[in-house]
Amino acid sequence: MEPALLTGESCLLIEPCGVWSGPDTALLKNKVRLQVQSVEKPLYRGTFHCFQSIVKQETVFGLYKGIGSPMMGLTFINALVFGVQGNTIRALGKDTPMNQFMAGSAAGAIQCVICCPMELAKTRMQLQGTGEYKLKTRTYKNSLDCLAKIYQQEGLRGINKGMVSTLIRETPSFGFYFLTYDCLTRSLGCEPEDNFVVPKLLLAGGMSGIVSWLSTYPMDVIKSRLQADGVRGVEQYSGILDCVRKSYQVEGWRVFTRGLTSTLLRAFPVNAATFATVTIFLMYTRSEEVTTECETALPQPSSL
């Protein structure tokens, strides 16, 4: 059974790991702070304690630090991934689950060019003025100022810090994301005429987001630590493997699940709502196009 709106021409693009905006930014801020906090002097006991501490110390506006960076890159990333994923599906010839995985992986890899600097700015902005990163004056005014200052001090290499770890995370993550959605919509039979199509789309979208994050979450922890490294002037890690080794030696395997709760709390509702909304919109626009074509094909009164 062909699932609704899963062809290369209309396949929905949702960023599983790289784009954040609105209320879910608060949960992802929790994630970043939990991932990079010092194990010797931890500031937060968990997700909810982190949330409470941010509101108490920085007011509600503190939850939205770094929102400018994902908002800037949202349109560009969506346009890029949508184009790459759709064109890859068409180039592969068939809309199969494996081709969905390959197309999604290709799209995830290419969008890292925008995603990496965007996440670097987000991470630096979210850590600014907290714990061991606390300074008397604000280093960065906003996301653009953050990127500009990093470029002035470190050049292109500094702007692309964490690029390899971002690539390792995003490539399979996007693949699993599109693969999961495709398999679930096929098995659930998501057809436009189905009375339960909306709940099915919500379930498929939410589960796709969760699977996407779980598939590469340890690498997300490493990516966050690498991008936060050097903020205090001294770099702790020489690369990905060094970061993995040192993090494991100090904190054990649990370090690779830091912030996972806040991530999953966000992943299901955000991806469920977005998938359902956009897919239903595409269903509606497609039905309108078919209706228009049929009306055009009918003979008009003036020509009788």
Protein backbone atom coordinates (compact mmCIF):
# COMPACT_ATOMS: atom_id res chain seq x y z
CA MET A 1 0.00 0.00 0.00
CA GLU A 2 1.39 3.37 -0.98
CA PRO A 3 1.48 5.73 2.00
CA ALA A 4 0.13 9.23 1.56
CA LEU A 5 2.59 11.90 0.53
CA LEU A 6 5.80 9.95 0.85
CA THR A 7 7.05 10.31 -2.72
CA GLY A 8 10.23 12.20 -3.47
CA GLU A 9 8.28 15.13 -4.89
CA SER A 10 6.29 15.78 -1.74
CA CYS A 11 8.13 14.03 1.08
CA LEU A 12 7.97 16.07 4.26
CA LEU A 13 11.13 17.57 5.67
CA ILE A 14 11.42 17.84 9.42
CA GLU A 15 14.80 18.41 11.03
CA PRO A 16 15.24 15.75 13.71
CA CYS A 17 18.40 17.06 15.29
CA GLY A 18 19.34 20.40 13.96
CA VAL A 19 16.45 22.88 13.96
CA TRP A 20 14.72 24.25 17.02
CA SER A 21 12.38 27.10 17.60
CA GLY A 22 9.59 28.16 19.88
CA PRO A 23 8.82 26.50 23.24
CA ASP A 24 10.92 23.40 22.55
CA THR A 25 14.05 25.59 22.69
CA ALA A 26 13.66 25.56 26.48
CA LEU A 27 13.96 21.77 26.63
CA LEU A 28 16.95 21.76 24.30
CA LYS A 29 18.63 24.40 26.41
CA ASN A 30 18.27 22.00 29.32
CA LYS A 31 19.86 19.31 27.14
CA VAL A 32 22.94 21.38 26.31
CA ARG A 33 23.54 22.47 29.89
CA LEU A 34 23.16 18.95 31.23
CA GLN A 35 25.50 17.58 28.57
CA VAL A 36 28.38 19.95 29.28
CA GLN A 37 28.13 20.64 33.03
CA SER A 38 31.09 19.69 35.22
CA VAL A 39 30.78 16.31 36.91
CA GLU A 40 32.85 17.56 39.85
CA LYS A 41 30.55 20.51 40.54
CA PRO A 42 27.25 19.76 38.81
CA LEU A 43 24.78 22.63 38.73
CA TYR A 44 21.71 20.54 37.91
CA ARG A 45 20.38 17.27 39.32
CA GLY A 46 18.21 16.54 36.32
CA THR A 47 15.92 17.90 33.64
CA PHE A 48 13.29 19.46 35.88
CA HIS A 49 15.84 20.89 38.32
CA CYS A 50 17.66 22.47 35.38
CA PHE A 51 14.40 23.98 34.12
CA GLN A 52 13.55 25.39 37.57
CA SER A 53 17.05 26.79 38.06
CA ILE A 54 17.06 28.61 34.72
CA VAL A 55 13.69 30.24 35.43
CA LYS A 56 14.74 31.18 38.96
CA GLN A 57 18.14 32.62 38.04
CA GLU A 58 17.51 34.01 34.55
CA THR A 59 13.70 34.44 34.44
CA VAL A 60 11.54 32.83 31.75
CA PHE A 61 13.51 34.65 29.04
CA GLY A 62 16.56 32.60 30.01
CA LEU A 63 14.84 29.56 28.54
CA TYR A 64 15.07 31.15 25.09
CA LYS A 65 18.78 31.96 25.01
CA GLY A 66 20.19 31.04 21.63
CA ILE A 67 16.83 30.97 19.85
CA GLY A 68 18.09 33.46 17.26
CA SER A 69 20.54 30.96 15.78
CA PRO A 70 18.04 28.19 14.90
CA MET A 71 15.54 30.77 13.68
CA MET A 72 18.14 32.16 11.28
CA GLY A 73 18.96 28.77 9.80
CA LEU A 74 15.50 27.22 9.82
CA THR A 75 14.42 28.32 6.35
CA PHE A 76 17.75 27.55 4.69
CA ILE A 77 18.07 24.09 6.24
CA ASN A 78 14.51 23.11 5.40
CA ALA A 79 14.88 24.28 1.82
CA LEU A 80 18.21 22.48 1.43
CA VAL A 81 17.13 19.18 2.96
CA PHE A 82 13.79 19.17 1.15
CA GLY A 83 15.53 19.64 -2.20
CA VAL A 84 18.28 17.11 -1.57
CA GLN A 85 15.97 14.43 -0.17
CA GLY A 86 13.44 14.78 -2.97
CA ASN A 87 16.02 14.83 -5.76
CA THR A 88 17.86 11.86 -4.27
CA ILE A 89 14.65 9.80 -4.18
CA ARG A 90 14.00 10.66 -7.83
CA ALA A 91 17.58 9.81 -8.79
CA LEU A 92 17.34 6.42 -7.05
CA GLY A 93 14.23 5.68 -9.10
CA LYS A 94 12.04 3.93 -6.52
CA ASP A 95 10.37 5.14 -3.34
CA THR A 96 11.42 2.25 -1.08
CA PRO A 97 12.29 2.26 2.65
CA MET A 98 15.99 1.76 1.92
CA ASN A 99 15.98 4.59 -0.60
CA GLN A 100 14.25 6.77 1.99
CA PHE A 101 17.12 6.01 4.37
CA MET A 102 19.76 6.79 1.75
CA ALA A 103 18.02 10.00 0.63
CA GLY A 104 17.57 11.15 4.21
CA SER A 105 21.22 10.41 5.02
CA ALA A 106 22.38 12.39 1.99
CA ALA A 107 20.21 15.33 3.00
CA GLY A 108 21.45 15.17 6.58
CA ALA A 109 25.07 15.20 5.49
CA ILE A 110 24.73 18.18 3.16
CA GLN A 111 22.79 20.39 5.59
CA CYS A 112 25.66 20.16 8.12
CA VAL A 113 27.26 23.10 6.31
CA ILE A 114 24.55 25.34 7.80
CA CYS A 115 23.64 23.27 10.84
CA CYS A 116 27.13 23.17 12.44
CA PRO A 117 27.78 26.95 12.72
CA MET A 118 24.16 27.46 13.76
CA GLU A 119 24.45 24.95 16.60
CA LEU A 120 27.82 26.36 17.64
CA ALA A 121 26.24 29.77 18.15
CA LYS A 122 23.27 28.24 19.95
CA THR A 123 25.52 26.28 22.32
CA ARG A 124 27.71 29.27 23.15
CA MET A 125 24.70 31.53 23.71
CA GLN A 126 22.97 29.01 25.96
CA LEU A 127 26.03 28.51 28.12
CA GLN A 128 26.83 32.19 28.43
CA GLY A 129 26.65 33.47 32.00
CA THR A 130 26.11 30.12 33.69
CA GLY A 131 28.21 28.10 36.13
CA GLU A 132 31.83 27.72 35.06
CA TYR A 133 31.08 29.85 32.00
CA LYS A 134 29.88 32.78 34.12
CA LEU A 135 31.46 36.15 33.39
CA LYS A 136 30.78 39.65 34.68
CA THR A 137 29.98 40.87 31.19
CA ARG A 138 28.20 39.17 28.33
CA THR A 139 30.59 37.93 25.66
CA TYR A 140 27.98 37.74 22.92
CA LYS A 141 25.03 40.05 22.28
CA ASN A 142 23.20 37.66 19.97
CA SER A 143 23.78 34.74 17.63
CA LEU A 144 25.18 36.83 14.78
CA ASP A 145 27.53 38.64 17.16
CA CYS A 146 28.61 35.27 18.51
CA LEU A 147 29.50 33.91 15.07
CA ALA A 148 31.23 37.16 14.09
CA LYS A 149 33.45 37.12 17.18
CA ILE A 150 34.29 33.45 16.77
CA TYR A 151 35.28 34.14 13.16
CA GLN A 152 37.45 37.11 14.18
CA GLN A 153 39.28 35.04 16.78
CA GLU A 154 39.45 31.60 15.16
CA GLY A 155 38.59 32.04 11.49
CA LEU A 156 36.62 29.50 9.42
CA ARG A 157 37.97 26.64 11.48
CA GLY A 158 36.40 28.13 14.59
CA ILE A 159 33.05 28.66 12.87
CA ASN A 160 33.01 25.01 11.82
CA LYS A 161 34.07 23.59 15.16
CA GLY A 162 32.37 20.23 15.69
CA MET A 163 31.71 19.73 11.97
CA VAL A 164 32.88 16.11 11.89
CA SER A 165 30.85 15.15 14.95
CA THR A 166 27.83 16.95 13.49
CA LEU A 167 28.27 15.03 10.23
CA ILE A 168 28.52 11.70 12.07
CA ARG A 169 25.37 12.55 14.02
CA GLU A 170 23.20 14.01 11.27
CA THR A 171 23.88 11.54 8.46
CA PRO A 172 22.43 8.38 10.04
CA SER A 173 19.95 10.38 12.12
CA PHE A 174 18.19 11.75 9.04
CA GLY A 175 18.31 8.31 7.45
CA PHE A 176 16.59 6.64 10.39
CA TYR A 177 14.15 9.53 10.60
CA PHE A 178 12.81 9.16 7.07
CA LEU A 179 13.06 5.36 7.19
CA THR A 180 10.98 5.15 10.39
CA TYR A 181 8.33 7.52 9.08
CA ASP A 182 8.10 5.65 5.80
CA CYS A 183 7.81 2.23 7.45
CA LEU A 184 5.23 3.38 10.00
CA THR A 185 3.02 5.17 7.48
CA ARG A 186 3.12 2.12 5.22
CA SER A 187 2.28 -0.32 8.03
CA LEU A 188 -0.43 1.95 9.49
CA GLY A 189 -1.96 2.58 6.08
CA CYS A 190 -2.00 6.37 6.16
CA GLU A 191 -4.36 7.19 3.32
CA PRO A 192 -6.22 10.50 2.79
CA GLU A 193 -9.63 8.82 2.95
CA ASP A 194 -8.84 7.12 6.29
CA ASN A 195 -10.89 8.58 9.18
CA PHE A 196 -7.98 7.94 11.55
CA VAL A 197 -5.25 9.37 9.34
CA VAL A 198 -4.46 12.22 11.76
CA PRO A 199 -3.78 10.01 14.83
CA LYS A 200 -1.74 7.70 12.62
CA LEU A 201 0.35 10.59 11.30
CA LEU A 202 0.86 11.89 14.85
CA LEU A 203 2.09 8.48 15.98
CA ALA A 204 4.36 8.01 12.97
CA GLY A 205 5.86 11.49 13.26
CA GLY A 206 6.41 11.28 17.01
CA MET A 207 8.05 7.87 16.87
CA SER A 208 10.25 8.97 13.96
CA GLY A 209 11.58 11.83 16.07
CA ILE A 210 12.32 9.53 19.00
CA VAL A 211 14.07 6.90 16.86
CA SER A 212 16.10 9.61 15.13
CA TRP A 213 17.42 11.00 18.41
CA LEU A 214 18.08 7.60 20.00
CA SER A 215 20.06 6.43 16.97
CA THR A 216 22.82 9.01 17.39
CA TYR A 217 22.32 10.64 20.80
CA PRO A 218 25.78 9.71 22.23
CA MET A 219 27.37 11.61 19.33
CA ASP A 220 25.18 14.61 20.13
CA VAL A 221 26.68 14.69 23.63
CA ILE A 222 30.19 14.62 22.16
CA LYS A 223 29.28 17.33 19.65
CA SER A 224 27.97 19.63 22.38
CA ARG A 225 31.09 19.11 24.49
CA LEU A 226 33.41 19.83 21.58
CA GLN A 227 31.55 23.01 20.66
CA ALA A 228 31.54 24.20 24.28
CA ASP A 229 35.22 23.33 24.71
CA GLY A 230 37.56 26.30 24.92
CA VAL A 231 34.97 28.81 26.09
CA ARG A 232 36.95 29.30 29.31
CA GLY A 233 40.20 29.72 27.38
CA VAL A 234 41.56 26.18 27.79
CA GLU A 235 40.63 23.33 25.49
CA GLN A 236 40.18 19.93 27.14
CA TYR A 237 39.74 17.78 24.06
CA SER A 238 41.95 17.28 21.02
CA GLY A 239 39.21 15.63 18.99
CA ILE A 240 36.24 13.27 18.95
CA LEU A 241 38.02 10.16 20.20
CA ASP A 242 39.80 12.11 22.92
CA CYS A 243 36.48 13.58 24.06
CA VAL A 244 34.87 10.12 24.12
CA ARG A 245 37.77 8.64 26.06
CA LYS A 246 38.04 11.40 28.67
CA SER A 247 34.29 11.69 29.15
CA TYR A 248 33.96 7.94 29.68
CA GLN A 249 36.92 7.79 32.07
CA VAL A 250 35.51 10.51 34.30
CA GLU A 251 31.77 9.78 34.18
CA GLY A 252 31.28 6.30 32.78
CA TRP A 253 28.74 5.26 30.15
CA ARG A 254 26.00 7.44 31.65
CA VAL A 255 27.70 10.51 30.23
CA PHE A 256 26.40 9.54 26.79
CA THR A 257 22.78 9.79 27.97
CA ARG A 258 23.02 13.19 29.61
CA GLY A 259 20.04 15.37 28.70
CA LEU A 260 18.23 12.49 26.98
CA THR A 261 15.04 12.94 29.03
CA SER A 262 14.53 16.56 27.96
CA THR A 263 15.32 15.62 24.37
CA LEU A 264 12.73 12.84 24.22
CA LEU A 265 10.13 14.95 26.03
CA ARG A 266 10.42 17.36 23.13
CA ALA A 267 10.95 14.88 20.30
CA PHE A 268 7.57 13.14 20.26
CA PRO A 269 5.11 16.07 20.45
CA VAL A 270 7.13 18.40 18.22
CA ASN A 271 7.68 15.90 15.42
CA ALA A 272 4.17 14.46 15.76
CA ALA A 273 2.52 17.87 15.45
CA THR A 274 4.76 19.03 12.61
CA PHE A 275 4.44 15.86 10.56
CA ALA A 276 0.66 15.79 10.88
CA THR A 277 0.26 19.50 10.11
CA VAL A 278 2.47 19.58 7.04
CA THR A 279 1.26 16.25 5.66
CA ILE A 280 -2.40 17.28 5.96
CA PHE A 281 -1.54 20.59 4.30
CA LEU A 282 0.13 18.72 1.42
CA MET A 283 -2.91 16.44 1.13
CA TYR A 284 -5.17 19.47 0.87
CA THR A 285 -3.04 21.27 -1.72
CA ARG A 286 -2.69 18.12 -3.80
CA SER A 287 -6.47 17.55 -3.81
CA GLU A 288 -6.96 21.19 -4.87
CA GLU A 289 -4.54 20.71 -7.77
CA VAL A 290 -6.40 17.59 -8.93
CA THR A 291 -9.76 19.41 -8.73
CA THR A 292 -8.39 22.35 -10.75
CA GLU A 293 -7.04 20.03 -13.43
CA CYS A 294 -10.39 18.27 -13.73
CA GLU A 295 -12.26 21.56 -14.04
CA THR A 296 -9.86 22.74 -16.73
CA ALA A 297 -10.39 19.54 -18.71
CA LEU A 298 -14.19 19.98 -18.78
CA PRO A 299 -15.65 21.94 -21.72
CA GLN A 300 -16.61 25.48 -20.77
CA PRO A 301 -20.11 26.89 -21.59
CA SER A 302 -18.63 29.45 -23.96
CA SER A 303 -17.15 26.73 -26.14
CA LEU A 304 -20.33 24.70 -26.50
